[in-house]
Amino acid sequence: MEVFEPANEADAAAIVSDAAVRGRTLAIEGLGSKRGLGRPMETTGVLKLAALSGIIVYEPDELVITLRAGTKLRDVEAALAEKNQCLAFEPASWSFDAAAEATIGGTVAAGVAGTRRVVLGGARDHLIGFRAINGQGDVFKAGGRVVKNVTGYDLPKLAAGSFGTLFAMTELTLRCYPRTEVPTSLVVRDLSVAQGCALLRKAAGSAWEATGLCHLPRTALDRLGTQSDAAQSLTVIRFEGSAESMAARAKGFAQALAPDASIAADDWSRRLWSELAQLKPFWNTESLWRVSVPPAAAARALQLLRPECFIVDWAGGLLWVEYGAALRTAEEVHATVLDLGGHAMLFRGSDEMRRTAAVFAPRDEATMALTRRVKQAFDPAGVFNPGRMYAGI
């Protein structure tokens, strides 16, 4: 398989144009951290965009940054931290290879979002502009460096979560967010899944502006580096902002809705949320599902899915579900989640399972027809990441 490593956008466009003419296919990569995400692909070449890196414009006062797609995620976060800022959608690396680092282009293309997403939105809500190369090698841009520039079709919404199947992004403009060095966490011990999810939903609908809403069973706590007592579960609610604001909101919430809670405003709190963002409990997992359901259905979903280990995030809207020896089939998982009004994605599985099972939630024929038309509009020759999301697309 031929590997192409263009030095700039023009070189990348020429490579794509040649591939379209010759009927070749390309897997789009930054540094390869998401190679195991989605269905396995068999392409004639790899288009590595890691050389397209660096910050182009950063305007801290405007909370906006423009950078090239191959910029390492850790370099983006370091640059923002110098100005006491961060990415609002709280992306993690989601790396399948310890030696591979995440890039900002791959992070946005995969729709990566952390626990703050339930409050502030995901990557698609903070990507306000981009430049990209379509499947014929033409460079185009969408959106701009201010939200008001987004007119007509809101293509940034389409780009985030497209997994590189439509076009190759070369430049992105993102909104930033004030950074909290050490968040304050309110911790309630020994709640059942149903009780923990109910408390998280109350927190999400309250006036105390929580930015993290997780429930962790004992199986997940045993895999975290953060030390915890012998509690059978921890229901954790995070507050961010100034020290005074965090303390007041945590105290107010505890007095009103969780009188038995303890408050952590130390390194334990910081490390806990960092380890959750990196999915540390699942580092050695062979079968992991990312399940989205209505928050009120979270406890029922876990009862039906019967995972070996799990984490509840987004006040119940996101479930990380691991299977060990008692592996459930993809059909069972998808059917169970669909009946509850949600959808599931096989986040980690063997090559054989990803090749033969439905990695993403099955779509009805009308939605699939629309998906094919969108693919045809941007990539008529089928150059980019063929079959990564759905077979034949």
Foldseek 3Di string as FASTA:
>chain_A
DAEAEDLALLRLLVVLQVCLVVLFAEEEEAQQQCCQFFAHDDTPYYYYDLNLWDWDDDDVVQQKTKIWQNHFQVVVQVVQVVVQKGAQQLFDQNGPDPVTTRTNNQRQQQFGGAQLCLPQNTSLNFWQKFWWAFNNSDIDIAGDQDNVSHDDDRCSNVRGNNNFQGTRTTMTMGGMGRHFQWWKKKKDFADDPLVLLVLLVCVSPDPLDWRKWKKFAPLLVVQAPQDDPPTRIITMTIDGDDPVSRVVSSVVCCVVPNVPIDMDRDVSRVRVRVCVSNVRSCSPAAWKKKKFAPSNCQVVLCVQVVAPGWMAGSSRRIIIGGHDPPDDALVSNLVSRVVRVIWMAGGHHDSVNSNPGQRTRDDDPVVVVVVVVSNCVRNVSSHYPACRRHHPD
